[in-house]
C-alpha atoms as a PDB file:
ATOM      1  CA  MET A   1      18.664 -15.460  69.480  1.00  0.00           C
ATOM      2  CA  THR A   2      21.145 -13.399  67.515  1.00  0.00           C
ATOM      3  CA  ARG A   3      20.921  -9.644  67.999  1.00  0.00           C
ATOM      4  CA  SER A   4      22.191  -6.631  66.089  1.00  0.00           C
ATOM      5  CA  MET A   5      24.672  -4.120  67.505  1.00  0.00           C
ATOM      6  CA  ASN A   6      21.799  -2.081  68.968  1.00  0.00           C
ATOM      7  CA  GLY A   7      20.181  -5.130  70.586  1.00  0.00           C
ATOM      8  CA  ASP A   8      17.370  -5.684  68.097  1.00  0.00           C
ATOM      9  CA  PRO A   9      16.748  -9.340  67.157  1.00  0.00           C
ATOM     10  CA  LEU A  10      18.020 -10.336  63.734  1.00  0.00           C
ATOM     11  CA  PRO A  11      15.801 -12.333  61.375  1.00  0.00           C
ATOM     12  CA  PRO A  12      16.844 -15.949  60.801  1.00  0.00           C
ATOM     13  CA  LEU A  13      19.242 -16.525  57.919  1.00  0.00           C
ATOM     14  CA  GLU A  14      17.955 -18.266  54.842  1.00  0.00           C
ATOM     15  CA  PRO A  15      19.625 -21.665  54.376  1.00  0.00           C
ATOM     16  CA  LEU A  16      22.342 -21.793  51.737  1.00  0.00           C
ATOM     17  CA  HIS A  17      21.569 -25.389  50.809  1.00  0.00           C
ATOM     18  CA  PRO A  18      18.667 -27.837  50.971  1.00  0.00           C
ATOM     19  CA  PRO A  19      18.220 -29.601  54.315  1.00  0.00           C
ATOM     20  CA  LEU A  20      20.500 -32.520  55.085  1.00  0.00           C
ATOM     21  CA  GLU A  21      18.562 -35.776  55.082  1.00  0.00           C
ATOM     22  CA  LEU A  22      19.519 -37.880  58.086  1.00  0.00           C
ATOM     23  CA  VAL A  23      18.913 -41.412  59.323  1.00  0.00           C
ATOM     24  CA  VAL A  24      19.774 -41.737  63.015  1.00  0.00           C
ATOM     25  CA  LEU A  25      20.811 -44.961  64.751  1.00  0.00           C
ATOM     26  CA  ILE A  26      19.920 -45.361  68.431  1.00  0.00           C
ATOM     27  CA  SER A  27      20.034 -48.157  70.976  1.00  0.00           C
ATOM     28  CA  GLY A  28      19.065 -46.506  74.245  1.00  0.00           C
ATOM     29  CA  ARG A  29      17.958 -43.114  75.507  1.00  0.00           C
ATOM     30  CA  GLY A  30      18.471 -41.381  72.160  1.00  0.00           C
ATOM     31  CA  LEU A  31      20.142 -38.276  73.581  1.00  0.00           C
ATOM     32  CA  ASN A  32      21.998 -37.581  70.314  1.00  0.00           C
ATOM     33  CA  LEU A  33      18.709 -37.906  68.434  1.00  0.00           C
ATOM     34  CA  LYS A  34      17.054 -35.520  70.892  1.00  0.00           C
ATOM     35  CA  THR A  35      19.879 -32.996  70.420  1.00  0.00           C
ATOM     36  CA  VAL A  36      19.612 -33.200  66.620  1.00  0.00           C
ATOM     37  CA  LEU A  37      15.827 -32.765  66.695  1.00  0.00           C
ATOM     38  CA  GLU A  38      16.105 -29.771  69.047  1.00  0.00           C
ATOM     39  CA  ALA A  39      18.740 -28.160  66.806  1.00  0.00           C
ATOM     40  CA  ILE A  40      16.427 -28.595  63.818  1.00  0.00           C
ATOM     41  CA  ASP A  41      13.470 -27.143  65.749  1.00  0.00           C
ATOM     42  CA  ASN A  42      15.555 -24.161  66.901  1.00  0.00           C
ATOM     43  CA  GLY A  43      16.848 -23.435  63.399  1.00  0.00           C
ATOM     44  CA  ARG A  44      20.458 -24.217  64.297  1.00  0.00           C
ATOM     45  CA  LEU A  45      20.605 -27.212  61.959  1.00  0.00           C
ATOM     46  CA  ASN A  46      19.224 -27.226  58.428  1.00  0.00           C
ATOM     47  CA  ALA A  47      18.275 -30.892  58.286  1.00  0.00           C
ATOM     48  CA  ARG A  48      15.440 -33.354  58.597  1.00  0.00           C
ATOM     49  CA  VAL A  49      15.444 -36.800  60.133  1.00  0.00           C
ATOM     50  CA  LEU A  50      13.974 -39.257  57.652  1.00  0.00           C
ATOM     51  CA  GLU A  51      14.067 -42.328  59.878  1.00  0.00           C
ATOM     52  CA  VAL A  52      15.314 -43.691  63.180  1.00  0.00           C
ATOM     53  CA  ILE A  53      16.753 -47.202  63.285  1.00  0.00           C
ATOM     54  CA  CYS A  54      16.987 -48.996  66.619  1.00  0.00           C
ATOM     55  CA  ASN A  55      17.978 -52.431  67.829  1.00  0.00           C
ATOM     56  CA  ARG A  56      15.629 -52.420  70.857  1.00  0.00           C
ATOM     57  CA  ARG A  57      11.835 -52.154  70.826  1.00  0.00           C
ATOM     58  CA  ASP A  58      11.870 -50.776  74.358  1.00  0.00           C
ATOM     59  CA  ALA A  59      14.512 -48.066  73.797  1.00  0.00           C
ATOM     60  CA  PRO A  60      13.378 -44.840  75.503  1.00  0.00           C
ATOM     61  CA  GLY A  61      14.847 -42.820  72.612  1.00  0.00           C
ATOM     62  CA  LEU A  62      12.028 -43.995  70.341  1.00  0.00           C
ATOM     63  CA  GLU A  63       9.791 -41.533  72.200  1.00  0.00           C
ATOM     64  CA  HIS A  64      11.814 -38.606  70.785  1.00  0.00           C
ATOM     65  CA  ALA A  65      11.179 -39.888  67.274  1.00  0.00           C
ATOM     66  CA  ALA A  66       7.471 -40.399  67.975  1.00  0.00           C
ATOM     67  CA  ARG A  67       7.080 -36.833  69.297  1.00  0.00           C
ATOM     68  CA  HIS A  68       8.517 -35.535  66.016  1.00  0.00           C
ATOM     69  CA  ALA A  69       6.566 -37.967  63.804  1.00  0.00           C
ATOM     70  CA  VAL A  70       9.790 -39.594  62.564  1.00  0.00           C
ATOM     71  CA  PRO A  71       9.279 -43.155  61.299  1.00  0.00           C
ATOM     72  CA  CYS A  72      11.156 -45.847  63.222  1.00  0.00           C
ATOM     73  CA  ARG A  73      12.503 -49.219  62.211  1.00  0.00           C
ATOM     74  CA  ILE A  74      13.475 -51.896  64.716  1.00  0.00           C
ATOM     75  CA  ILE A  75      16.190 -54.290  63.587  1.00  0.00           C
ATOM     76  CA  ASP A  76      16.578 -57.335  65.799  1.00  0.00           C
ATOM     77  CA  ALA A  77      20.232 -58.416  65.705  1.00  0.00           C
ATOM     78  CA  ALA A  78      19.227 -62.021  66.399  1.00  0.00           C
ATOM     79  CA  THR A  79      17.147 -62.243  63.225  1.00  0.00           C
ATOM     80  CA  ALA A  80      18.925 -59.698  61.016  1.00  0.00           C
ATOM     81  CA  GLY A  81      21.521 -62.073  59.825  1.00  0.00           C
END
């Protein structure tokens, strides 16, 4: 939390622009996705994740998306073309 010179907490800054709209690609644990979602939750990143795309149905990172109600799409490389 940011504090003033006398130690009082400062109110959060109003965003200067609309949130960035992100689509995140994952294939495993989804640690980058987790970091992005935490930054959004903590107000450090003015963005929203619209969708997560993954190439593995069993990727543990899909749990991060589910906890934040982010839609997921699985693209199977064998059938994608």
